[in-house]
Amino acid sequence: MKILIVDDAAFMRMTLRKMLEEFGHEVIGEAVDGNDAVEKYKELKPDLVTMDITMPNKDGITATKEIKQYDPNAKVLISSAMGQESMVKEAIIAGAVDFIVKPINPQRMMNAVAKAGKS
């Protein structure tokens, strides 16, 4: 899959890139906040977006809603250190295909990406 990584932490983007590339996916772009995510989604048209929730300027849930408005078939996988139930519900209501809690377990990420690819 062609994947866009969205996270304000450079270390997390690097970690996700390495993990996803090891699984055989192509990372076609990175974004540092929700505004950047929406613009890069429109420009790059990825198969999947990994989206952090807590970011400056525009959070991941708002960005997910905007991406889904632009493309109802968009696949967004939310990842956040905040694994509270309310955030999971908000992410799913916004249109996310799945929610992964940080620190990200590589096997859990692989399963979530595979699941998203089939949906």
N, C-alpha and C. Protein backbone atom coordinates (compact mmCIF):
# COMPACT_ATOMS: atom_id res chain seq x y z
N MET A 1 0.83 -1.19 0.00
CA MET A 1 0.00 0.00 0.00
C MET A 1 0.87 1.25 0.00
N LYS A 2 0.34 2.32 -0.57
CA LYS A 2 1.00 3.62 -0.53
C LYS A 2 0.45 4.36 0.69
N ILE A 3 1.35 4.77 1.58
CA ILE A 3 0.93 5.29 2.89
C ILE A 3 1.47 6.69 3.16
N LEU A 4 0.60 7.52 3.75
CA LEU A 4 0.96 8.85 4.24
C LEU A 4 1.02 8.77 5.75
N ILE A 5 2.15 9.16 6.33
CA ILE A 5 2.33 9.16 7.79
C ILE A 5 2.12 10.57 8.31
N VAL A 6 1.24 10.70 9.32
CA VAL A 6 0.97 12.01 9.91
C VAL A 6 1.25 11.94 11.41
N ASP A 7 2.26 12.68 11.85
CA ASP A 7 2.60 12.75 13.27
C ASP A 7 3.50 13.97 13.46
N ASP A 8 3.29 14.71 14.55
CA ASP A 8 4.11 15.90 14.78
C ASP A 8 5.51 15.54 15.30
N ALA A 9 5.70 14.31 15.78
CA ALA A 9 7.00 13.88 16.30
C ALA A 9 7.82 13.21 15.20
N ALA A 10 8.97 13.79 14.89
CA ALA A 10 9.84 13.25 13.84
C ALA A 10 10.26 11.82 14.16
N PHE A 11 10.54 11.53 15.43
CA PHE A 11 10.95 10.18 15.82
C PHE A 11 9.85 9.18 15.50
N MET A 12 8.60 9.54 15.76
CA MET A 12 7.48 8.64 15.50
C MET A 12 7.30 8.43 13.99
N ARG A 13 7.45 9.49 13.20
CA ARG A 13 7.34 9.34 11.73
C ARG A 13 8.43 8.40 11.23
N MET A 14 9.65 8.55 11.76
CA MET A 14 10.77 7.70 11.35
C MET A 14 10.50 6.24 11.75
N THR A 15 10.01 6.03 12.96
CA THR A 15 9.72 4.69 13.45
C THR A 15 8.63 4.03 12.60
N LEU A 16 7.56 4.76 12.32
CA LEU A 16 6.48 4.22 11.49
C LEU A 16 6.95 3.92 10.08
N ARG A 17 7.74 4.83 9.51
CA ARG A 17 8.26 4.61 8.15
C ARG A 17 9.04 3.31 8.09
N LYS A 18 9.95 3.12 9.04
CA LYS A 18 10.78 1.92 9.07
C LYS A 18 9.90 0.67 9.19
N MET A 19 8.94 0.72 10.10
CA MET A 19 8.05 -0.42 10.34
C MET A 19 7.24 -0.75 9.08
N LEU A 20 6.65 0.26 8.48
CA LEU A 20 5.79 0.05 7.30
C LEU A 20 6.59 -0.43 6.10
N GLU A 21 7.78 0.13 5.91
CA GLU A 21 8.63 -0.30 4.80
C GLU A 21 9.10 -1.73 4.99
N GLU A 22 9.36 -2.12 6.24
CA GLU A 22 9.75 -3.51 6.51
C GLU A 22 8.61 -4.47 6.17
N PHE A 23 7.37 -3.99 6.27
CA PHE A 23 6.20 -4.81 5.93
C PHE A 23 5.94 -4.81 4.42
N GLY A 24 6.77 -4.07 3.65
CA GLY A 24 6.64 -4.06 2.20
C GLY A 24 5.76 -2.96 1.64
N HIS A 25 5.41 -1.97 2.48
CA HIS A 25 4.58 -0.87 2.01
C HIS A 25 5.46 0.30 1.59
N GLU A 26 4.89 1.21 0.80
CA GLU A 26 5.62 2.38 0.33
C GLU A 26 5.10 3.62 1.05
N VAL A 27 5.99 4.31 1.75
CA VAL A 27 5.61 5.56 2.40
C VAL A 27 5.81 6.66 1.37
N ILE A 28 4.69 7.26 0.92
CA ILE A 28 4.78 8.25 -0.16
C ILE A 28 4.81 9.68 0.36
N GLY A 29 4.64 9.85 1.67
CA GLY A 29 4.71 11.19 2.22
C GLY A 29 4.58 11.20 3.72
N GLU A 30 4.96 12.36 4.30
CA GLU A 30 4.85 12.58 5.74
C GLU A 30 4.25 13.96 5.95
N ALA A 31 3.46 14.08 7.01
CA ALA A 31 2.86 15.36 7.37
C ALA A 31 3.07 15.58 8.86
N VAL A 32 3.21 16.86 9.26
CA VAL A 32 3.54 17.19 10.64
C VAL A 32 2.36 17.67 11.48
N ASP A 33 1.22 17.95 10.83
CA ASP A 33 0.02 18.34 11.56
C ASP A 33 -1.20 18.09 10.68
N GLY A 34 -2.38 18.36 11.22
CA GLY A 34 -3.61 18.08 10.49
C GLY A 34 -3.77 18.88 9.22
N ASN A 35 -3.35 20.14 9.23
CA ASN A 35 -3.43 20.96 8.01
C ASN A 35 -2.58 20.35 6.90
N ASP A 36 -1.36 20.00 7.26
CA ASP A 36 -0.42 19.38 6.33
C ASP A 36 -0.98 18.05 5.82
N ALA A 37 -1.63 17.30 6.71
CA ALA A 37 -2.21 15.99 6.36
C ALA A 37 -3.27 16.12 5.27
N VAL A 38 -4.17 17.07 5.43
CA VAL A 38 -5.25 17.25 4.46
C VAL A 38 -4.68 17.65 3.09
N GLU A 39 -3.73 18.58 3.10
CA GLU A 39 -3.12 19.02 1.84
C GLU A 39 -2.36 17.87 1.17
N LYS A 40 -1.57 17.14 1.93
CA LYS A 40 -0.79 16.04 1.35
C LYS A 40 -1.70 14.90 0.89
N TYR A 41 -2.82 14.68 1.59
CA TYR A 41 -3.75 13.64 1.14
C TYR A 41 -4.26 14.00 -0.25
N LYS A 42 -4.69 15.24 -0.43
CA LYS A 42 -5.22 15.68 -1.73
C LYS A 42 -4.17 15.59 -2.83
N GLU A 43 -2.93 15.91 -2.48
CA GLU A 43 -1.83 15.91 -3.45
C GLU A 43 -1.38 14.49 -3.80
N LEU A 44 -1.22 13.63 -2.78
CA LEU A 44 -0.60 12.32 -2.98
C LEU A 44 -1.58 11.16 -3.18
N LYS A 45 -2.81 11.32 -2.71
CA LYS A 45 -3.85 10.28 -2.81
C LYS A 45 -3.35 8.90 -2.36
N PRO A 46 -2.95 8.80 -1.08
CA PRO A 46 -2.44 7.52 -0.57
C PRO A 46 -3.55 6.48 -0.42
N ASP A 47 -3.14 5.22 -0.31
CA ASP A 47 -4.09 4.13 -0.05
C ASP A 47 -4.51 4.13 1.42
N LEU A 48 -3.60 4.63 2.29
CA LEU A 48 -3.85 4.62 3.74
C LEU A 48 -3.11 5.78 4.38
N VAL A 49 -3.71 6.34 5.43
CA VAL A 49 -3.09 7.40 6.21
C VAL A 49 -2.95 6.89 7.65
N THR A 50 -1.74 7.01 8.23
CA THR A 50 -1.61 6.78 9.66
C THR A 50 -1.65 8.16 10.29
N MET A 51 -2.56 8.38 11.25
CA MET A 51 -2.83 9.72 11.77
C MET A 51 -2.72 9.76 13.29
N ASP A 52 -1.84 10.63 13.78
CA ASP A 52 -1.76 10.90 15.21
C ASP A 52 -2.98 11.76 15.59
N ILE A 53 -3.40 11.71 16.85
CA ILE A 53 -4.53 12.55 17.27
C ILE A 53 -4.06 13.92 17.73
N THR A 54 -3.11 13.94 18.66
CA THR A 54 -2.71 15.20 19.29
C THR A 54 -1.57 15.83 18.51
N MET A 55 -1.91 16.92 17.78
CA MET A 55 -0.92 17.64 16.98
C MET A 55 -1.25 19.13 17.03
N PRO A 56 -0.25 19.98 16.77
CA PRO A 56 -0.53 21.43 16.73
C PRO A 56 -1.35 21.81 15.50
N ASN A 57 -1.96 22.96 15.54
CA ASN A 57 -2.71 23.58 14.45
C ASN A 57 -4.04 22.89 14.14
N LYS A 58 -4.02 21.61 13.88
CA LYS A 58 -5.25 20.85 13.61
C LYS A 58 -5.03 19.43 14.09
N ASP A 59 -5.92 18.94 14.97
CA ASP A 59 -5.74 17.59 15.50
C ASP A 59 -6.12 16.53 14.46
N GLY A 60 -5.76 15.30 14.78
CA GLY A 60 -5.96 14.20 13.85
C GLY A 60 -7.42 13.85 13.59
N ILE A 61 -8.28 14.04 14.58
CA ILE A 61 -9.70 13.73 14.38
C ILE A 61 -10.33 14.72 13.42
N THR A 62 -10.02 16.01 13.58
CA THR A 62 -10.52 17.04 12.65
C THR A 62 -9.99 16.79 11.24
N ALA A 63 -8.70 16.47 11.14
CA ALA A 63 -8.10 16.19 9.83
C ALA A 63 -8.74 14.97 9.19
N THR A 64 -9.02 13.94 9.99
CA THR A 64 -9.67 12.73 9.47
C THR A 64 -11.05 13.08 8.89
N LYS A 65 -11.81 13.89 9.63
CA LYS A 65 -13.14 14.31 9.14
C LYS A 65 -13.02 15.04 7.80
N GLU A 66 -12.03 15.93 7.70
CA GLU A 66 -11.85 16.70 6.45
C GLU A 66 -11.42 15.80 5.30
N ILE A 67 -10.54 14.86 5.57
CA ILE A 67 -10.10 13.92 4.53
C ILE A 67 -11.28 13.07 4.07
N LYS A 68 -12.10 12.61 5.01
CA LYS A 68 -13.27 11.78 4.67
C LYS A 68 -14.32 12.59 3.90
N GLN A 69 -14.44 13.88 4.18
CA GLN A 69 -15.35 14.74 3.41
C GLN A 69 -14.86 14.86 1.97
N TYR A 70 -13.54 15.02 1.82
CA TYR A 70 -12.94 15.14 0.50
C TYR A 70 -13.03 13.82 -0.26
N ASP A 71 -12.77 12.71 0.44
CA ASP A 71 -12.78 11.38 -0.17
C ASP A 71 -13.43 10.39 0.80
N PRO A 72 -14.71 10.10 0.61
CA PRO A 72 -15.41 9.18 1.51
C PRO A 72 -14.79 7.78 1.58
N ASN A 73 -13.98 7.41 0.59
CA ASN A 73 -13.34 6.10 0.57
C ASN A 73 -11.96 6.10 1.23
N ALA A 74 -11.53 7.24 1.74
CA ALA A 74 -10.21 7.34 2.38
C ALA A 74 -10.12 6.38 3.56
N LYS A 75 -8.93 5.81 3.73
CA LYS A 75 -8.68 4.90 4.85
C LYS A 75 -7.69 5.55 5.78
N VAL A 76 -8.16 5.83 7.00
CA VAL A 76 -7.32 6.50 8.00
C VAL A 76 -7.20 5.59 9.22
N LEU A 77 -5.96 5.37 9.63
CA LEU A 77 -5.65 4.55 10.80
C LEU A 77 -5.13 5.51 11.87
N ILE A 78 -5.87 5.66 12.95
CA ILE A 78 -5.50 6.59 14.02
C ILE A 78 -4.52 5.93 14.98
N SER A 79 -3.48 6.68 15.36
CA SER A 79 -2.55 6.19 16.38
C SER A 79 -2.34 7.31 17.38
N SER A 80 -2.39 6.96 18.66
CA SER A 80 -2.18 7.97 19.68
C SER A 80 -1.79 7.33 21.00
N ALA A 81 -1.04 8.08 21.78
CA ALA A 81 -0.68 7.62 23.12
C ALA A 81 -1.92 7.66 24.02
N MET A 82 -2.89 8.44 23.60
CA MET A 82 -4.11 8.55 24.39
C MET A 82 -5.09 7.48 23.97
N GLY A 83 -5.11 6.37 24.67
CA GLY A 83 -5.97 5.26 24.29
C GLY A 83 -7.31 5.26 24.98
N GLN A 84 -7.74 6.43 25.49
CA GLN A 84 -9.01 6.48 26.19
C GLN A 84 -10.17 6.13 25.27
N GLU A 85 -11.18 5.54 25.84
CA GLU A 85 -12.35 5.10 25.09
C GLU A 85 -13.00 6.23 24.30
N SER A 86 -13.07 7.42 24.88
CA SER A 86 -13.72 8.54 24.19
C SER A 86 -12.98 8.90 22.90
N MET A 87 -11.64 8.82 22.94
CA MET A 87 -10.85 9.12 21.74
C MET A 87 -11.06 8.06 20.67
N VAL A 88 -11.14 6.81 21.09
CA VAL A 88 -11.38 5.72 20.13
C VAL A 88 -12.73 5.93 19.46
N LYS A 89 -13.74 6.21 20.24
CA LYS A 89 -15.08 6.45 19.68
C LYS A 89 -15.08 7.64 18.73
N GLU A 90 -14.43 8.74 19.15
CA GLU A 90 -14.38 9.93 18.30
C GLU A 90 -13.67 9.62 16.97
N ALA A 91 -12.59 8.87 17.04
CA ALA A 91 -11.83 8.52 15.84
C ALA A 91 -12.67 7.67 14.89
N ILE A 92 -13.39 6.70 15.42
CA ILE A 92 -14.22 5.83 14.58
C ILE A 92 -15.39 6.61 13.99
N ILE A 93 -16.01 7.47 14.80
CA ILE A 93 -17.10 8.32 14.31
C ILE A 93 -16.60 9.24 13.19
N ALA A 94 -15.36 9.72 13.33
CA ALA A 94 -14.76 10.60 12.31
C ALA A 94 -14.48 9.85 11.01
N GLY A 95 -14.47 8.50 11.08
CA GLY A 95 -14.27 7.72 9.87
C GLY A 95 -13.02 6.87 9.86
N ALA A 96 -12.30 6.81 10.97
CA ALA A 96 -11.08 5.98 11.02
C ALA A 96 -11.44 4.51 10.89
N VAL A 97 -10.57 3.75 10.22
CA VAL A 97 -10.81 2.31 10.05
C VAL A 97 -10.33 1.51 11.27
N ASP A 98 -9.42 2.11 12.05
CA ASP A 98 -8.91 1.42 13.23
C ASP A 98 -8.18 2.42 14.11
N PHE A 99 -7.84 1.99 15.33
CA PHE A 99 -7.18 2.83 16.31
C PHE A 99 -6.06 2.01 16.95
N ILE A 100 -4.85 2.55 16.94
CA ILE A 100 -3.71 1.86 17.54
C ILE A 100 -3.13 2.75 18.64
N VAL A 101 -2.88 2.14 19.80
CA VAL A 101 -2.32 2.88 20.92
C VAL A 101 -0.79 2.82 20.88
N LYS A 102 -0.15 3.98 21.09
CA LYS A 102 1.31 4.05 21.18
C LYS A 102 1.73 3.64 22.59
N PRO A 103 2.90 3.03 22.78
CA PRO A 103 3.85 2.68 21.73
C PRO A 103 3.29 1.58 20.83
N ILE A 104 3.53 1.72 19.54
CA ILE A 104 2.93 0.83 18.56
C ILE A 104 3.66 -0.52 18.52
N ASN A 105 2.88 -1.56 18.66
CA ASN A 105 3.37 -2.92 18.54
C ASN A 105 3.43 -3.24 17.04
N PRO A 106 4.60 -3.65 16.53
CA PRO A 106 4.73 -3.92 15.09
C PRO A 106 3.70 -4.92 14.55
N GLN A 107 3.43 -5.98 15.29
CA GLN A 107 2.45 -6.98 14.83
C GLN A 107 1.05 -6.38 14.76
N ARG A 108 0.70 -5.56 15.75
CA ARG A 108 -0.61 -4.89 15.77
C ARG A 108 -0.73 -3.94 14.57
N MET A 109 0.35 -3.23 14.25
CA MET A 109 0.35 -2.32 13.10
C MET A 109 0.18 -3.10 11.82
N MET A 110 0.92 -4.21 11.68
CA MET A 110 0.82 -5.02 10.48
C MET A 110 -0.61 -5.53 10.28
N ASN A 111 -1.23 -5.98 11.37
CA ASN A 111 -2.62 -6.46 11.30
C ASN A 111 -3.59 -5.36 10.93
N ALA A 112 -3.41 -4.18 11.51
CA ALA A 112 -4.30 -3.05 11.23
C ALA A 112 -4.19 -2.59 9.77
N VAL A 113 -2.97 -2.55 9.25
CA VAL A 113 -2.76 -2.15 7.85
C VAL A 113 -3.37 -3.19 6.91
N ALA A 114 -3.17 -4.47 7.23
CA ALA A 114 -3.76 -5.54 6.40
C ALA A 114 -5.28 -5.44 6.42
N LYS A 115 -5.86 -5.20 7.59
CA LYS A 115 -7.31 -5.06 7.72
C LYS A 115 -7.82 -3.88 6.90
N ALA A 116 -7.10 -2.76 6.98
CA ALA A 116 -7.50 -1.56 6.23
C ALA A 116 -7.45 -1.82 4.72
N GLY A 117 -6.44 -2.59 4.30
CA GLY A 117 -6.30 -2.92 2.89
C GLY A 117 -7.45 -3.75 2.34
N LYS A 118 -8.11 -4.50 3.21
CA LYS A 118 -9.23 -5.35 2.80
C LYS A 118 -10.58 -4.65 2.88
N SER A 119 -10.61 -3.50 3.59
CA SER A 119 -11.91 -2.82 3.76
C SER A 119 -12.25 -1.93 2.60
